[in-house]
Amino acid sequence: MALTTIEQASGQWTVVNTDQITYIREDTYGTAIHFSSGEHIICSLELNDLLSRLAPASPEMMLTRPS
């Protein structure tokens, strides 16, 4: 289990289990992290900043930007 902290768009900090991330995409309100549970959060980081923050926590996960 790999955990990291992410600041949500609301200004609150949350602990994210990177093993539970299904996908990440840019949404109307910011960068959205979607989880296998069906829930999602909107974070304050830009997509590239978020991916670079998550990469050290999940080196086995290939983080790519859709074309």
N, C-alpha and C. Protein backbone atom coordinates (compact mmCIF):
# COMPACT_ATOMS: atom_id res chain seq x y z
N MET A 1 0.84 -1.16 0.00
CA MET A 1 0.00 0.00 0.00
C MET A 1 0.89 1.24 0.00
N ALA A 2 0.68 2.09 -0.97
CA ALA A 2 1.45 3.33 -1.07
C ALA A 2 0.53 4.51 -0.77
N LEU A 3 0.88 5.29 0.23
CA LEU A 3 0.06 6.43 0.63
C LEU A 3 0.80 7.74 0.34
N THR A 4 0.04 8.75 -0.04
CA THR A 4 0.59 10.08 -0.24
C THR A 4 -0.49 11.10 0.14
N THR A 5 -0.08 12.31 0.46
CA THR A 5 -1.05 13.35 0.80
C THR A 5 -1.26 14.26 -0.41
N ILE A 6 -2.50 14.64 -0.62
CA ILE A 6 -2.89 15.48 -1.75
C ILE A 6 -3.77 16.60 -1.21
N GLU A 7 -3.53 17.83 -1.69
CA GLU A 7 -4.40 18.95 -1.32
C GLU A 7 -5.59 19.00 -2.27
N GLN A 8 -6.78 18.98 -1.70
CA GLN A 8 -7.99 19.07 -2.50
C GLN A 8 -8.23 20.52 -2.91
N ALA A 9 -9.07 20.71 -3.92
CA ALA A 9 -9.39 22.06 -4.39
C ALA A 9 -10.03 22.90 -3.28
N SER A 10 -10.67 22.24 -2.32
CA SER A 10 -11.31 22.95 -1.20
C SER A 10 -10.30 23.45 -0.18
N GLY A 11 -9.04 23.06 -0.33
CA GLY A 11 -8.00 23.47 0.61
C GLY A 11 -7.71 22.44 1.68
N GLN A 12 -8.52 21.39 1.77
CA GLN A 12 -8.29 20.33 2.74
C GLN A 12 -7.26 19.35 2.21
N TRP A 13 -6.50 18.74 3.13
CA TRP A 13 -5.52 17.72 2.76
C TRP A 13 -6.14 16.35 2.99
N THR A 14 -5.85 15.41 2.13
CA THR A 14 -6.36 14.06 2.28
C THR A 14 -5.25 13.06 1.99
N VAL A 15 -5.33 11.91 2.63
CA VAL A 15 -4.38 10.83 2.38
C VAL A 15 -4.97 9.96 1.27
N VAL A 16 -4.16 9.68 0.25
CA VAL A 16 -4.60 8.91 -0.90
C VAL A 16 -3.81 7.61 -0.95
N ASN A 17 -4.53 6.50 -1.06
CA ASN A 17 -3.92 5.20 -1.29
C ASN A 17 -3.77 5.05 -2.81
N THR A 18 -2.56 5.15 -3.31
CA THR A 18 -2.35 5.14 -4.76
C THR A 18 -2.70 3.80 -5.40
N ASP A 19 -2.77 2.74 -4.61
CA ASP A 19 -3.17 1.44 -5.15
C ASP A 19 -4.64 1.42 -5.56
N GLN A 20 -5.43 2.34 -5.04
CA GLN A 20 -6.86 2.38 -5.31
C GLN A 20 -7.25 3.36 -6.43
N ILE A 21 -6.26 4.04 -7.02
CA ILE A 21 -6.55 5.00 -8.09
C ILE A 21 -6.88 4.23 -9.37
N THR A 22 -8.04 4.54 -9.95
CA THR A 22 -8.45 3.92 -11.21
C THR A 22 -7.96 4.75 -12.39
N TYR A 23 -8.24 6.05 -12.36
CA TYR A 23 -7.73 6.94 -13.40
C TYR A 23 -7.72 8.38 -12.90
N ILE A 24 -6.99 9.21 -13.62
CA ILE A 24 -6.85 10.63 -13.31
C ILE A 24 -7.14 11.40 -14.59
N ARG A 25 -7.91 12.47 -14.45
CA ARG A 25 -8.19 13.28 -15.64
C ARG A 25 -8.42 14.72 -15.24
N GLU A 26 -8.24 15.61 -16.20
CA GLU A 26 -8.54 17.01 -15.97
C GLU A 26 -10.04 17.19 -16.12
N ASP A 27 -10.64 17.80 -15.11
CA ASP A 27 -12.08 17.99 -15.07
C ASP A 27 -12.39 19.48 -15.14
N THR A 28 -13.64 19.82 -15.19
CA THR A 28 -14.06 21.22 -15.25
C THR A 28 -13.54 22.02 -14.06
N TYR A 29 -13.51 21.38 -12.88
CA TYR A 29 -13.15 22.08 -11.65
C TYR A 29 -11.71 21.87 -11.22
N GLY A 30 -10.94 21.08 -11.96
CA GLY A 30 -9.55 20.81 -11.62
C GLY A 30 -9.19 19.38 -11.99
N THR A 31 -8.09 18.90 -11.47
CA THR A 31 -7.63 17.55 -11.75
C THR A 31 -8.37 16.58 -10.84
N ALA A 32 -9.06 15.61 -11.44
CA ALA A 32 -9.88 14.66 -10.68
C ALA A 32 -9.15 13.32 -10.57
N ILE A 33 -9.13 12.78 -9.34
CA ILE A 33 -8.59 11.45 -9.09
C ILE A 33 -9.78 10.54 -8.82
N HIS A 34 -9.95 9.52 -9.64
CA HIS A 34 -11.06 8.58 -9.50
C HIS A 34 -10.53 7.28 -8.90
N PHE A 35 -11.28 6.73 -7.95
CA PHE A 35 -10.87 5.53 -7.22
C PHE A 35 -11.73 4.33 -7.61
N SER A 36 -11.22 3.14 -7.30
CA SER A 36 -11.94 1.91 -7.63
C SER A 36 -13.27 1.81 -6.89
N SER A 37 -13.44 2.54 -5.81
CA SER A 37 -14.70 2.54 -5.05
C SER A 37 -15.81 3.31 -5.76
N GLY A 38 -15.44 4.08 -6.80
CA GLY A 38 -16.40 4.91 -7.51
C GLY A 38 -16.38 6.36 -7.06
N GLU A 39 -15.68 6.64 -5.97
CA GLU A 39 -15.58 8.01 -5.48
C GLU A 39 -14.46 8.74 -6.20
N HIS A 40 -14.46 10.06 -6.09
CA HIS A 40 -13.39 10.86 -6.68
C HIS A 40 -13.17 12.11 -5.84
N ILE A 41 -11.99 12.70 -6.01
CA ILE A 41 -11.69 13.98 -5.38
C ILE A 41 -11.13 14.91 -6.45
N ILE A 42 -11.31 16.19 -6.24
CA ILE A 42 -10.74 17.21 -7.12
C ILE A 42 -9.56 17.80 -6.36
N CYS A 43 -8.38 17.77 -6.96
CA CYS A 43 -7.21 18.29 -6.26
C CYS A 43 -6.76 19.62 -6.86
N SER A 44 -5.95 20.33 -6.10
CA SER A 44 -5.52 21.67 -6.50
C SER A 44 -4.32 21.66 -7.45
N LEU A 45 -3.68 20.50 -7.61
CA LEU A 45 -2.50 20.42 -8.47
C LEU A 45 -2.88 20.29 -9.94
N GLU A 46 -2.03 20.82 -10.81
CA GLU A 46 -2.18 20.59 -12.24
C GLU A 46 -1.87 19.13 -12.52
N LEU A 47 -2.32 18.61 -13.65
CA LEU A 47 -2.16 17.20 -13.97
C LEU A 47 -0.71 16.75 -13.93
N ASN A 48 0.19 17.49 -14.58
CA ASN A 48 1.60 17.09 -14.61
C ASN A 48 2.23 17.10 -13.22
N ASP A 49 1.88 18.09 -12.39
CA ASP A 49 2.40 18.15 -11.03
C ASP A 49 1.89 16.98 -10.20
N LEU A 50 0.63 16.62 -10.39
CA LEU A 50 0.06 15.49 -9.66
C LEU A 50 0.74 14.18 -10.08
N LEU A 51 0.93 14.00 -11.37
CA LEU A 51 1.57 12.77 -11.85
C LEU A 51 2.99 12.64 -11.32
N SER A 52 3.74 13.74 -11.28
CA SER A 52 5.11 13.67 -10.75
C SER A 52 5.10 13.41 -9.25
N ARG A 53 4.08 13.87 -8.55
CA ARG A 53 3.97 13.61 -7.11
C ARG A 53 3.61 12.15 -6.84
N LEU A 54 2.77 11.56 -7.69
CA LEU A 54 2.34 10.18 -7.49
C LEU A 54 3.38 9.16 -7.97
N ALA A 55 4.21 9.52 -8.92
CA ALA A 55 5.18 8.57 -9.49
C ALA A 55 6.11 7.96 -8.45
N PRO A 56 6.69 8.73 -7.52
CA PRO A 56 7.56 8.10 -6.52
C PRO A 56 6.80 7.15 -5.59
N ALA A 57 5.52 7.41 -5.35
CA ALA A 57 4.72 6.55 -4.47
C ALA A 57 4.34 5.25 -5.16
N SER A 58 4.23 5.26 -6.47
CA SER A 58 3.83 4.07 -7.22
C SER A 58 4.74 3.89 -8.42
N PRO A 59 5.99 3.48 -8.21
CA PRO A 59 6.90 3.36 -9.35
C PRO A 59 6.46 2.30 -10.35
N GLU A 60 5.67 1.31 -9.90
CA GLU A 60 5.23 0.26 -10.82
C GLU A 60 4.07 0.72 -11.69
N MET A 61 3.44 1.83 -11.32
CA MET A 61 2.31 2.33 -12.08
C MET A 61 2.82 3.21 -13.22
N MET A 62 2.36 2.93 -14.42
CA MET A 62 2.75 3.78 -15.54
C MET A 62 1.75 4.93 -15.61
N LEU A 63 2.22 6.13 -15.36
CA LEU A 63 1.36 7.30 -15.38
C LEU A 63 1.55 8.00 -16.72
N THR A 64 0.52 7.98 -17.54
CA THR A 64 0.62 8.58 -18.86
C THR A 64 -0.52 9.56 -19.06
N ARG A 65 -0.30 10.46 -19.96
CA ARG A 65 -1.33 11.43 -20.32
C ARG A 65 -2.02 10.95 -21.59
N PRO A 66 -3.36 10.83 -21.59
CA PRO A 66 -4.04 10.35 -22.79
C PRO A 66 -3.87 11.32 -23.95
N SER A 67 -3.78 10.77 -25.14
CA SER A 67 -3.58 11.62 -26.32
C SER A 67 -4.89 12.07 -26.90
